[in-house]
Amino acid sequence: MSFRERTIGRVTVYDVDGQLIVGNRHELKRMVLDALEAGGRRFVIDFSRTGYIDSSGLGVLISLSKEVRAQGGDLRLASLNGDLQRLFELTRLDTFFRICDGLEEALKE
């Protein structure tokens, strides 16, 4: 499991490789909050290499989205596989997040 942070234009992108679970969720949260504190306002979390998100992972995504929105920013999720897409639909979180089919779509204004 690893996270990679990169910048594309004015957007900070986080690649999640593996799983977003109780054991690593704080690492992602710290990365995003540090970038937010440094002045970043547009964020994309790319799940193209992610197979599983547990309830604590969902919780950290909700928390991050609320914090980013409170500071006038935008957090988008990209490239959910079929299982993750169904998870977000079943939990109705697909109405809470802006979910994009791919990174290219998520980077658009």
PDB file of N, CA and C in Angstrom:
ATOM      1  N   MET A   1       0.835  -1.175   0.000  1.00  0.00           N
ATOM      2  CA  MET A   1       0.000   0.000   0.000  1.00  0.00           C
ATOM      3  C   MET A   1       0.876   1.232   0.000  1.00  0.00           C
ATOM      4  N   SER A   2       0.569   2.146  -0.896  1.00  0.00           N
ATOM      5  CA  SER A   2       1.313   3.392  -0.906  1.00  0.00           C
ATOM      6  C   SER A   2       0.471   4.504  -1.510  1.00  0.00           C
ATOM      7  N   PHE A   3       0.865   5.717  -1.199  1.00  0.00           N
ATOM      8  CA  PHE A   3       0.248   6.904  -1.761  1.00  0.00           C
ATOM      9  C   PHE A   3       1.329   7.687  -2.483  1.00  0.00           C
ATOM     10  N   ARG A   4       0.948   8.263  -3.604  1.00  0.00           N
ATOM     11  CA  ARG A   4       1.877   9.118  -4.330  1.00  0.00           C
ATOM     12  C   ARG A   4       1.180  10.440  -4.570  1.00  0.00           C
ATOM     13  N   GLU A   5       1.886  11.524  -4.295  1.00  0.00           N
ATOM     14  CA  GLU A   5       1.349  12.863  -4.513  1.00  0.00           C
ATOM     15  C   GLU A   5       2.057  13.473  -5.712  1.00  0.00           C
ATOM     16  N   ARG A   6       1.287  14.065  -6.606  1.00  0.00           N
ATOM     17  CA  ARG A   6       1.863  14.763  -7.753  1.00  0.00           C
ATOM     18  C   ARG A   6       0.981  15.947  -8.094  1.00  0.00           C
ATOM     19  N   THR A   7       1.543  16.879  -8.825  1.00  0.00           N
ATOM     20  CA  THR A   7       0.804  18.078  -9.205  1.00  0.00           C
ATOM     21  C   THR A   7       0.651  18.110 -10.715  1.00  0.00           C
ATOM     22  N   ILE A   8      -0.569  18.331 -11.164  1.00  0.00           N
ATOM     23  CA  ILE A   8      -0.864  18.491 -12.581  1.00  0.00           C
ATOM     24  C   ILE A   8      -1.561  19.843 -12.719  1.00  0.00           C
ATOM     25  N   GLY A   9      -0.857  20.812 -13.280  1.00  0.00           N
ATOM     26  CA  GLY A   9      -1.391  22.168 -13.331  1.00  0.00           C
ATOM     27  C   GLY A   9      -1.562  22.699 -11.926  1.00  0.00           C
ATOM     28  N   ARG A  10      -2.783  23.097 -11.590  1.00  0.00           N
ATOM     29  CA  ARG A  10      -3.074  23.604 -10.247  1.00  0.00           C
ATOM     30  C   ARG A  10      -3.768  22.564  -9.374  1.00  0.00           C
ATOM     31  N   VAL A  11      -3.744  21.308  -9.814  1.00  0.00           N
ATOM     32  CA  VAL A  11      -4.442  20.235  -9.100  1.00  0.00           C
ATOM     33  C   VAL A  11      -3.424  19.293  -8.456  1.00  0.00           C
ATOM     34  N   THR A  12      -3.650  18.991  -7.183  1.00  0.00           N
ATOM     35  CA  THR A  12      -2.831  18.003  -6.495  1.00  0.00           C
ATOM     36  C   THR A  12      -3.538  16.664  -6.606  1.00  0.00           C
ATOM     37  N   VAL A  13      -2.832  15.683  -7.148  1.00  0.00           N
ATOM     38  CA  VAL A  13      -3.392  14.349  -7.385  1.00  0.00           C
ATOM     39  C   VAL A  13      -2.730  13.357  -6.437  1.00  0.00           C
ATOM     40  N   TYR A  14      -3.555  12.521  -5.834  1.00  0.00           N
ATOM     41  CA  TYR A  14      -3.073  11.464  -4.952  1.00  0.00           C
ATOM     42  C   TYR A  14      -3.426  10.124  -5.583  1.00  0.00           C
ATOM     43  N   ASP A  15      -2.411   9.325  -5.875  1.00  0.00           N
ATOM     44  CA  ASP A  15      -2.616   7.977  -6.392  1.00  0.00           C
ATOM     45  C   ASP A  15      -2.623   7.016  -5.212  1.00  0.00           C
ATOM     46  N   VAL A  16      -3.684   6.221  -5.110  1.00  0.00           N
ATOM     47  CA  VAL A  16      -3.804   5.235  -4.044  1.00  0.00           C
ATOM     48  C   VAL A  16      -3.514   3.874  -4.660  1.00  0.00           C
ATOM     49  N   ASP A  17      -2.443   3.253  -4.209  1.00  0.00           N
ATOM     50  CA  ASP A  17      -2.012   1.970  -4.752  1.00  0.00           C
ATOM     51  C   ASP A  17      -2.267   0.877  -3.716  1.00  0.00           C
ATOM     52  N   GLY A  18      -3.265   0.038  -3.974  1.00  0.00           N
ATOM     53  CA  GLY A  18      -3.591  -1.041  -3.045  1.00  0.00           C
ATOM     54  C   GLY A  18      -4.943  -0.845  -2.397  1.00  0.00           C
ATOM     55  N   GLN A  19      -4.936  -0.591  -1.097  1.00  0.00           N
ATOM     56  CA  GLN A  19      -6.172  -0.446  -0.332  1.00  0.00           C
ATOM     57  C   GLN A  19      -6.133   0.825   0.506  1.00  0.00           C
ATOM     58  N   LEU A  20      -7.315   1.381   0.768  1.00  0.00           N
ATOM     59  CA  LEU A  20      -7.450   2.491   1.710  1.00  0.00           C
ATOM     60  C   LEU A  20      -8.193   1.924   2.918  1.00  0.00           C
ATOM     61  N   ILE A  21      -7.430   1.673   3.987  1.00  0.00           N
ATOM     62  CA  ILE A  21      -7.980   0.956   5.142  1.00  0.00           C
ATOM     63  C   ILE A  21      -7.542   1.611   6.453  1.00  0.00           C
ATOM     64  N   VAL A  22      -8.008   1.054   7.549  1.00  0.00           N
ATOM     65  CA  VAL A  22      -7.744   1.595   8.879  1.00  0.00           C
ATOM     66  C   VAL A  22      -6.247   1.805   9.118  1.00  0.00           C
ATOM     67  N   GLY A  23      -5.410   0.938   8.615  1.00  0.00           N
ATOM     68  CA  GLY A  23      -3.979   1.020   8.891  1.00  0.00           C
ATOM     69  C   GLY A  23      -3.229   2.114   8.157  1.00  0.00           C
ATOM     70  N   ASN A  24      -3.824   2.696   7.110  1.00  0.00           N
ATOM     71  CA  ASN A  24      -3.084   3.706   6.345  1.00  0.00           C
ATOM     72  C   ASN A  24      -3.857   4.993   6.078  1.00  0.00           C
ATOM     73  N   ARG A  25      -5.082   5.056   6.520  1.00  0.00           N
ATOM     74  CA  ARG A  25      -5.925   6.211   6.187  1.00  0.00           C
ATOM     75  C   ARG A  25      -5.347   7.528   6.694  1.00  0.00           C
ATOM     76  N   HIS A  26      -4.669   7.506   7.839  1.00  0.00           N
ATOM     77  CA  HIS A  26      -4.130   8.743   8.405  1.00  0.00           C
ATOM     78  C   HIS A  26      -3.025   9.335   7.533  1.00  0.00           C
ATOM     79  N   GLU A  27      -2.297   8.477   6.837  1.00  0.00           N
ATOM     80  CA  GLU A  27      -1.238   8.965   5.944  1.00  0.00           C
ATOM     81  C   GLU A  27      -1.837   9.809   4.816  1.00  0.00           C
ATOM     82  N   LEU A  28      -2.908   9.309   4.197  1.00  0.00           N
ATOM     83  CA  LEU A  28      -3.568  10.077   3.134  1.00  0.00           C
ATOM     84  C   LEU A  28      -4.154  11.362   3.691  1.00  0.00           C
ATOM     85  N   LYS A  29      -4.794  11.274   4.833  1.00  0.00           N
ATOM     86  CA  LYS A  29      -5.405  12.460   5.429  1.00  0.00           C
ATOM     87  C   LYS A  29      -4.356  13.537   5.702  1.00  0.00           C
ATOM     88  N   ARG A  30      -3.228  13.135   6.259  1.00  0.00           N
ATOM     89  CA  ARG A  30      -2.160  14.091   6.563  1.00  0.00           C
ATOM     90  C   ARG A  30      -1.619  14.748   5.287  1.00  0.00           C
ATOM     91  N   MET A  31      -1.458  13.957   4.231  1.00  0.00           N
ATOM     92  CA  MET A  31      -0.948  14.496   2.967  1.00  0.00           C
ATOM     93  C   MET A  31      -1.883  15.569   2.402  1.00  0.00           C
ATOM     94  N   VAL A  32      -3.178  15.272   2.389  1.00  0.00           N
ATOM     95  CA  VAL A  32      -4.145  16.216   1.830  1.00  0.00           C
ATOM     96  C   VAL A  32      -4.253  17.457   2.712  1.00  0.00           C
ATOM     97  N   LEU A  33      -4.325  17.282   4.027  1.00  0.00           N
ATOM     98  CA  LEU A  33      -4.445  18.435   4.920  1.00  0.00           C
ATOM     99  C   LEU A  33      -3.199  19.316   4.864  1.00  0.00           C
ATOM    100  N   ASP A  34      -2.019  18.719   4.716  1.00  0.00           N
ATOM    101  CA  ASP A  34      -0.791  19.511   4.568  1.00  0.00           C
ATOM    102  C   ASP A  34      -0.837  20.348   3.293  1.00  0.00           C
ATOM    103  N   ALA A  35      -1.306  19.760   2.196  1.00  0.00           N
ATOM    104  CA  ALA A  35      -1.409  20.501   0.933  1.00  0.00           C
ATOM    105  C   ALA A  35      -2.460  21.605   1.036  1.00  0.00           C
ATOM    106  N   LEU A  36      -3.551  21.325   1.729  1.00  0.00           N
ATOM    107  CA  LEU A  36      -4.594  22.328   1.938  1.00  0.00           C
ATOM    108  C   LEU A  36      -4.046  23.495   2.756  1.00  0.00           C
ATOM    109  N   GLU A  37      -3.304  23.189   3.798  1.00  0.00           N
ATOM    110  CA  GLU A  37      -2.701  24.216   4.640  1.00  0.00           C
ATOM    111  C   GLU A  37      -1.684  25.053   3.858  1.00  0.00           C
ATOM    112  N   ALA A  38      -1.025  24.418   2.901  1.00  0.00           N
ATOM    113  CA  ALA A  38      -0.026  25.113   2.079  1.00  0.00           C
ATOM    114  C   ALA A  38      -0.662  25.949   0.972  1.00  0.00           C
ATOM    115  N   GLY A  39      -1.982  25.927   0.871  1.00  0.00           N
ATOM    116  CA  GLY A  39      -2.667  26.779  -0.102  1.00  0.00           C
ATOM    117  C   GLY A  39      -3.318  26.051  -1.256  1.00  0.00           C
ATOM    118  N   GLY A  40      -3.170  24.737  -1.327  1.00  0.00           N
ATOM    119  CA  GLY A  40      -3.832  23.977  -2.386  1.00  0.00           C
ATOM    120  C   GLY A  40      -5.338  24.014  -2.202  1.00  0.00           C
ATOM    121  N   ARG A  41      -6.067  24.040  -3.313  1.00  0.00           N
ATOM    122  CA  ARG A  41      -7.526  24.077  -3.233  1.00  0.00           C
ATOM    123  C   ARG A  41      -8.209  23.065  -4.138  1.00  0.00           C
ATOM    124  N   ARG A  42      -7.471  22.479  -5.078  1.00  0.00           N
ATOM    125  CA  ARG A  42      -8.062  21.483  -5.981  1.00  0.00           C
ATOM    126  C   ARG A  42      -7.323  20.162  -5.802  1.00  0.00           C
ATOM    127  N   PHE A  43      -8.097  19.122  -5.499  1.00  0.00           N
ATOM    128  CA  PHE A  43      -7.527  17.822  -5.199  1.00  0.00           C
ATOM    129  C   PHE A  43      -8.290  16.717  -5.929  1.00  0.00           C
ATOM    130  N   VAL A  44      -7.544  15.726  -6.396  1.00  0.00           N
ATOM    131  CA  VAL A  44      -8.132  14.528  -6.989  1.00  0.00           C
ATOM    132  C   VAL A  44      -7.475  13.330  -6.324  1.00  0.00           C
ATOM    133  N   ILE A  45      -8.299  12.380  -5.910  1.00  0.00           N
ATOM    134  CA  ILE A  45      -7.776  11.114  -5.415  1.00  0.00           C
ATOM    135  C   ILE A  45      -8.078  10.075  -6.485  1.00  0.00           C
ATOM    136  N   ASP A  46      -7.019   9.501  -7.041  1.00  0.00           N
ATOM    137  CA  ASP A  46      -7.115   8.555  -8.154  1.00  0.00           C
ATOM    138  C   ASP A  46      -7.072   7.132  -7.607  1.00  0.00           C
ATOM    139  N   PHE A  47      -8.152   6.400  -7.839  1.00  0.00           N
ATOM    140  CA  PHE A  47      -8.284   5.037  -7.336  1.00  0.00           C
ATOM    141  C   PHE A  47      -8.081   3.986  -8.430  1.00  0.00           C
ATOM    142  N   SER A  48      -7.407   4.343  -9.514  1.00  0.00           N
ATOM    143  CA  SER A  48      -7.249   3.396 -10.623  1.00  0.00           C
ATOM    144  C   SER A  48      -6.446   2.159 -10.226  1.00  0.00           C
ATOM    145  N   ARG A  49      -5.667   2.241  -9.155  1.00  0.00           N
ATOM    146  CA  ARG A  49      -4.868   1.092  -8.697  1.00  0.00           C
ATOM    147  C   ARG A  49      -5.308   0.632  -7.307  1.00  0.00           C
ATOM    148  N   THR A  50      -6.585   0.852  -6.998  1.00  0.00           N
ATOM    149  CA  THR A  50      -7.119   0.519  -5.672  1.00  0.00           C
ATOM    150  C   THR A  50      -8.179  -0.555  -5.803  1.00  0.00           C
ATOM    151  N   GLY A  51      -8.093  -1.577  -4.961  1.00  0.00           N
ATOM    152  CA  GLY A  51      -9.065  -2.655  -5.005  1.00  0.00           C
ATOM    153  C   GLY A  51     -10.057  -2.661  -3.868  1.00  0.00           C
ATOM    154  N   TYR A  52      -9.762  -1.921  -2.787  1.00  0.00           N
ATOM    155  CA  TYR A  52     -10.616  -2.037  -1.604  1.00  0.00           C
ATOM    156  C   TYR A  52     -10.522  -0.776  -0.757  1.00  0.00           C
ATOM    157  N   ILE A  53     -11.672  -0.359  -0.247  1.00  0.00           N
ATOM    158  CA  ILE A  53     -11.755   0.739   0.722  1.00  0.00           C
ATOM    159  C   ILE A  53     -12.648   0.247   1.854  1.00  0.00           C
ATOM    160  N   ASP A  54     -12.157   0.298   3.104  1.00  0.00           N
ATOM    161  CA  ASP A  54     -12.999  -0.121   4.218  1.00  0.00           C
ATOM    162  C   ASP A  54     -13.758   1.079   4.785  1.00  0.00           C
ATOM    163  N   SER A  55     -14.551   0.831   5.818  1.00  0.00           N
ATOM    164  CA  SER A  55     -15.389   1.900   6.374  1.00  0.00           C
ATOM    165  C   SER A  55     -14.557   3.051   6.927  1.00  0.00           C
ATOM    166  N   SER A  56     -13.400   2.765   7.482  1.00  0.00           N
ATOM    167  CA  SER A  56     -12.556   3.858   7.989  1.00  0.00           C
ATOM    168  C   SER A  56     -11.975   4.664   6.827  1.00  0.00           C
ATOM    169  N   GLY A  57     -11.714   4.007   5.706  1.00  0.00           N
ATOM    170  CA  GLY A  57     -11.267   4.720   4.509  1.00  0.00           C
ATOM    171  C   GLY A  57     -12.353   5.644   3.985  1.00  0.00           C
ATOM    172  N   LEU A  58     -13.590   5.155   3.977  1.00  0.00           N
ATOM    173  CA  LEU A  58     -14.710   6.014   3.570  1.00  0.00           C
ATOM    174  C   LEU A  58     -14.841   7.202   4.517  1.00  0.00           C
ATOM    175  N   GLY A  59     -14.677   6.929   5.800  1.00  0.00           N
ATOM    176  CA  GLY A  59     -14.780   7.992   6.797  1.00  0.00           C
ATOM    177  C   GLY A  59     -13.750   9.088   6.582  1.00  0.00           C
ATOM    178  N   VAL A  60     -12.521   8.702   6.256  1.00  0.00           N
ATOM    179  CA  VAL A  60     -11.483   9.713   6.046  1.00  0.00           C
ATOM    180  C   VAL A  60     -11.765  10.500   4.775  1.00  0.00           C
ATOM    181  N   LEU A  61     -12.320   9.870   3.757  1.00  0.00           N
ATOM    182  CA  LEU A  61     -12.671  10.602   2.534  1.00  0.00           C
ATOM    183  C   LEU A  61     -13.761  11.633   2.813  1.00  0.00           C
ATOM    184  N   ILE A  62     -14.752  11.260   3.612  1.00  0.00           N
ATOM    185  CA  ILE A  62     -15.824  12.191   3.981  1.00  0.00           C
ATOM    186  C   ILE A  62     -15.244  13.361   4.769  1.00  0.00           C
ATOM    187  N   SER A  63     -14.416  13.060   5.743  1.00  0.00           N
ATOM    188  CA  SER A  63     -13.788  14.097   6.564  1.00  0.00           C
ATOM    189  C   SER A  63     -12.964  15.055   5.706  1.00  0.00           C
ATOM    190  N   LEU A  64     -12.173  14.505   4.802  1.00  0.00           N
ATOM    191  CA  LEU A  64     -11.350  15.348   3.928  1.00  0.00           C
ATOM    192  C   LEU A  64     -12.214  16.224   3.038  1.00  0.00           C
ATOM    193  N   SER A  65     -13.256  15.650   2.480  1.00  0.00           N
ATOM    194  CA  SER A  65     -14.126  16.426   1.604  1.00  0.00           C
ATOM    195  C   SER A  65     -14.757  17.600   2.347  1.00  0.00           C
ATOM    196  N   LYS A  66     -15.226  17.357   3.560  1.00  0.00           N
ATOM    197  CA  LYS A  66     -15.824  18.433   4.357  1.00  0.00           C
ATOM    198  C   LYS A  66     -14.805  19.528   4.655  1.00  0.00           C
ATOM    199  N   GLU A  67     -13.587  19.148   5.016  1.00  0.00           N
ATOM    200  CA  GLU A  67     -12.549  20.130   5.336  1.00  0.00           C
ATOM    201  C   GLU A  67     -12.147  20.932   4.112  1.00  0.00           C
ATOM    202  N   VAL A  68     -11.986  20.258   2.990  1.00  0.00           N
ATOM    203  CA  VAL A  68     -11.614  20.948   1.745  1.00  0.00           C
ATOM    204  C   VAL A  68     -12.715  21.921   1.338  1.00  0.00           C
ATOM    205  N   ARG A  69     -13.963  21.486   1.397  1.00  0.00           N
ATOM    206  CA  ARG A  69     -15.095  22.369   1.047  1.00  0.00           C
ATOM    207  C   ARG A  69     -15.179  23.566   1.986  1.00  0.00           C
ATOM    208  N   ALA A  70     -14.936  23.336   3.272  1.00  0.00           N
ATOM    209  CA  ALA A  70     -15.011  24.421   4.256  1.00  0.00           C
ATOM    210  C   ALA A  70     -13.983  25.509   3.964  1.00  0.00           C
ATOM    211  N   GLN A  71     -12.896  25.143   3.291  1.00  0.00           N
ATOM    212  CA  GLN A  71     -11.865  26.119   2.964  1.00  0.00           C
ATOM    213  C   GLN A  71     -11.944  26.569   1.508  1.00  0.00           C
ATOM    214  N   GLY A  72     -13.101  26.337   0.881  1.00  0.00           N
ATOM    215  CA  GLY A  72     -13.327  26.814  -0.478  1.00  0.00           C
ATOM    216  C   GLY A  72     -12.683  25.976  -1.557  1.00  0.00           C
ATOM    217  N   GLY A  73     -12.344  24.734  -1.241  1.00  0.00           N
ATOM    218  CA  GLY A  73     -11.676  23.879  -2.211  1.00  0.00           C
ATOM    219  C   GLY A  73     -12.602  22.853  -2.834  1.00  0.00           C
ATOM    220  N   ASP A  74     -12.000  22.002  -3.649  1.00  0.00           N
ATOM    221  CA  ASP A  74     -12.730  20.982  -4.392  1.00  0.00           C
ATOM    222  C   ASP A  74     -11.954  19.674  -4.322  1.00  0.00           C
ATOM    223  N   LEU A  75     -12.625  18.602  -3.907  1.00  0.00           N
ATOM    224  CA  LEU A  75     -12.030  17.275  -3.843  1.00  0.00           C
ATOM    225  C   LEU A  75     -12.848  16.344  -4.720  1.00  0.00           C
ATOM    226  N   ARG A  76     -12.174  15.707  -5.680  1.00  0.00           N
ATOM    227  CA  ARG A  76     -12.842  14.775  -6.590  1.00  0.00           C
ATOM    228  C   ARG A  76     -12.211  13.399  -6.476  1.00  0.00           C
ATOM    229  N   LEU A  77     -13.018  12.393  -6.762  1.00  0.00           N
ATOM    230  CA  LEU A  77     -12.542  11.016  -6.786  1.00  0.00           C
ATOM    231  C   LEU A  77     -12.557  10.548  -8.236  1.00  0.00           C
ATOM    232  N   ALA A  78     -11.537   9.781  -8.618  1.00  0.00           N
ATOM    233  CA  ALA A  78     -11.443   9.338 -10.005  1.00  0.00           C
ATOM    234  C   ALA A  78     -11.139   7.852 -10.093  1.00  0.00           C
ATOM    235  N   SER A  79     -11.629   7.257 -11.167  1.00  0.00           N
ATOM    236  CA  SER A  79     -11.249   5.909 -11.590  1.00  0.00           C
ATOM    237  C   SER A  79     -11.617   4.813 -10.597  1.00  0.00           C
ATOM    238  N   LEU A  80     -12.840   4.857 -10.084  1.00  0.00           N
ATOM    239  CA  LEU A  80     -13.300   3.776  -9.205  1.00  0.00           C
ATOM    240  C   LEU A  80     -13.590   2.531 -10.043  1.00  0.00           C
ATOM    241  N   ASN A  81     -13.131   1.365  -9.580  1.00  0.00           N
ATOM    242  CA  ASN A  81     -13.485   0.134 -10.289  1.00  0.00           C
ATOM    243  C   ASN A  81     -14.957  -0.188 -10.015  1.00  0.00           C
ATOM    244  N   GLY A  82     -15.468  -1.235 -10.637  1.00  0.00           N
ATOM    245  CA  GLY A  82     -16.887  -1.575 -10.495  1.00  0.00           C
ATOM    246  C   GLY A  82     -17.309  -1.822  -9.058  1.00  0.00           C
ATOM    247  N   ASP A  83     -16.488  -2.548  -8.300  1.00  0.00           N
ATOM    248  CA  ASP A  83     -16.821  -2.838  -6.901  1.00  0.00           C
ATOM    249  C   ASP A  83     -16.855  -1.566  -6.062  1.00  0.00           C
ATOM    250  N   LEU A  84     -15.886  -0.693  -6.266  1.00  0.00           N
ATOM    251  CA  LEU A  84     -15.854   0.557  -5.493  1.00  0.00           C
ATOM    252  C   LEU A  84     -17.013   1.470  -5.900  1.00  0.00           C
ATOM    253  N   GLN A  85     -17.330   1.500  -7.183  1.00  0.00           N
ATOM    254  CA  GLN A  85     -18.467   2.301  -7.641  1.00  0.00           C
ATOM    255  C   GLN A  85     -19.749   1.824  -6.964  1.00  0.00           C
ATOM    256  N   ARG A  86     -19.943   0.503  -6.895  1.00  0.00           N
ATOM    257  CA  ARG A  86     -21.133  -0.044  -6.225  1.00  0.00           C
ATOM    258  C   ARG A  86     -21.136   0.295  -4.734  1.00  0.00           C
ATOM    259  N   LEU A  87     -19.970   0.261  -4.093  1.00  0.00           N
ATOM    260  CA  LEU A  87     -19.869   0.629  -2.680  1.00  0.00           C
ATOM    261  C   LEU A  87     -20.362   2.062  -2.467  1.00  0.00           C
ATOM    262  N   PHE A  88     -19.915   2.973  -3.318  1.00  0.00           N
ATOM    263  CA  PHE A  88     -20.328   4.371  -3.180  1.00  0.00           C
ATOM    264  C   PHE A  88     -21.821   4.536  -3.483  1.00  0.00           C
ATOM    265  N   GLU A  89     -22.344   3.761  -4.407  1.00  0.00           N
ATOM    266  CA  GLU A  89     -23.775   3.826  -4.703  1.00  0.00           C
ATOM    267  C   GLU A  89     -24.604   3.261  -3.554  1.00  0.00           C
ATOM    268  N   LEU A  90     -24.194   2.112  -3.011  1.00  0.00           N
ATOM    269  CA  LEU A  90     -24.941   1.490  -1.915  1.00  0.00           C
ATOM    270  C   LEU A  90     -24.958   2.352  -0.659  1.00  0.00           C
ATOM    271  N   THR A  91     -23.877   3.058  -0.414  1.00  0.00           N
ATOM    272  CA  THR A  91     -23.793   3.918   0.762  1.00  0.00           C
ATOM    273  C   THR A  91     -24.314   5.328   0.471  1.00  0.00           C
ATOM    274  N   ARG A  92     -24.748   5.537  -0.751  1.00  0.00           N
ATOM    275  CA  ARG A  92     -25.275   6.831  -1.219  1.00  0.00           C
ATOM    276  C   ARG A  92     -24.196   7.925  -1.215  1.00  0.00           C
ATOM    277  N   LEU A  93     -22.953   7.540  -1.103  1.00  0.00           N
ATOM    278  CA  LEU A  93     -21.864   8.519  -1.128  1.00  0.00           C
ATOM    279  C   LEU A  93     -21.593   9.025  -2.534  1.00  0.00           C
ATOM    280  N   ASP A  94     -22.181   8.364  -3.530  1.00  0.00           N
ATOM    281  CA  ASP A  94     -22.044   8.864  -4.896  1.00  0.00           C
ATOM    282  C   ASP A  94     -22.761  10.204  -5.063  1.00  0.00           C
ATOM    283  N   THR A  95     -23.675  10.529  -4.135  1.00  0.00           N
ATOM    284  CA  THR A  95     -24.342  11.835  -4.176  1.00  0.00           C
ATOM    285  C   THR A  95     -23.564  12.890  -3.385  1.00  0.00           C
ATOM    286  N   PHE A  96     -22.631  12.458  -2.567  1.00  0.00           N
ATOM    287  CA  PHE A  96     -21.841  13.363  -1.734  1.00  0.00           C
ATOM    288  C   PHE A  96     -20.561  13.803  -2.438  1.00  0.00           C
ATOM    289  N   PHE A  97     -19.944  12.889  -3.170  1.00  0.00           N
ATOM    290  CA  PHE A  97     -18.676  13.157  -3.848  1.00  0.00           C
ATOM    291  C   PHE A  97     -18.895  13.412  -5.331  1.00  0.00           C
ATOM    292  N   ARG A  98     -17.983  14.173  -5.910  1.00  0.00           N
ATOM    293  CA  ARG A  98     -17.921  14.263  -7.370  1.00  0.00           C
ATOM    294  C   ARG A  98     -17.010  13.122  -7.814  1.00  0.00           C
ATOM    295  N   ILE A  99     -17.612  12.120  -8.449  1.00  0.00           N
ATOM    296  CA  ILE A  99     -16.888  10.935  -8.889  1.00  0.00           C
ATOM    297  C   ILE A  99     -16.747  10.994 -10.403  1.00  0.00           C
ATOM    298  N   CYS A 100     -15.515  10.902 -10.863  1.00  0.00           N
ATOM    299  CA  CYS A 100     -15.204  11.006 -12.289  1.00  0.00           C
ATOM    300  C   CYS A 100     -14.731   9.651 -12.806  1.00  0.00           C
ATOM    301  N   ASP A 101     -15.052   9.379 -14.062  1.00  0.00           N
ATOM    302  CA  ASP A 101     -14.668   8.096 -14.657  1.00  0.00           C
ATOM    303  C   ASP A 101     -13.153   7.924 -14.728  1.00  0.00           C
ATOM    304  N   GLY A 102     -12.442   9.000 -14.992  1.00  0.00           N
ATOM    305  CA  GLY A 102     -10.984   8.914 -15.106  1.00  0.00           C
ATOM    306  C   GLY A 102     -10.323  10.199 -14.672  1.00  0.00           C
ATOM    307  N   LEU A 103      -9.008  10.162 -14.637  1.00  0.00           N
ATOM    308  CA  LEU A 103      -8.235  11.323 -14.191  1.00  0.00           C
ATOM    309  C   LEU A 103      -8.440  12.516 -15.106  1.00  0.00           C
ATOM    310  N   GLU A 104      -8.483  12.285 -16.393  1.00  0.00           N
ATOM    311  CA  GLU A 104      -8.644  13.385 -17.347  1.00  0.00           C
ATOM    312  C   GLU A 104      -9.926  14.177 -17.062  1.00  0.00           C
ATOM    313  N   GLU A 105     -11.019  13.464 -16.821  1.00  0.00           N
ATOM    314  CA  GLU A 105     -12.286  14.119 -16.484  1.00  0.00           C
ATOM    315  C   GLU A 105     -12.186  14.868 -15.166  1.00  0.00           C
ATOM    316  N   ALA A 106     -11.515  14.278 -14.187  1.00  0.00           N
ATOM    317  CA  ALA A 106     -11.395  14.904 -12.864  1.00  0.00           C
ATOM    318  C   ALA A 106     -10.576  16.183 -12.892  1.00  0.00           C
ATOM    319  N   LEU A 107      -9.680  16.304 -13.841  1.00  0.00           N
ATOM    320  CA  LEU A 107      -8.823  17.490 -13.923  1.00  0.00           C
ATOM    321  C   LEU A 107      -9.507  18.684 -14.586  1.00  0.00           C
ATOM    322  N   LYS A 108     -10.629  18.463 -15.243  1.00  0.00           N
ATOM    323  CA  LYS A 108     -11.332  19.562 -15.911  1.00  0.00           C
ATOM    324  C   LYS A 108     -11.893  20.525 -14.882  1.00  0.00           C
ATOM    325  N   GLU A 109     -11.960  21.782 -15.260  1.00  0.00           N
ATOM    326  CA  GLU A 109     -12.508  22.825 -14.375  1.00  0.00           C
ATOM    327  C   GLU A 109     -13.956  22.551 -14.039  1.00  0.00           C
TER     328      GLU A 109
END
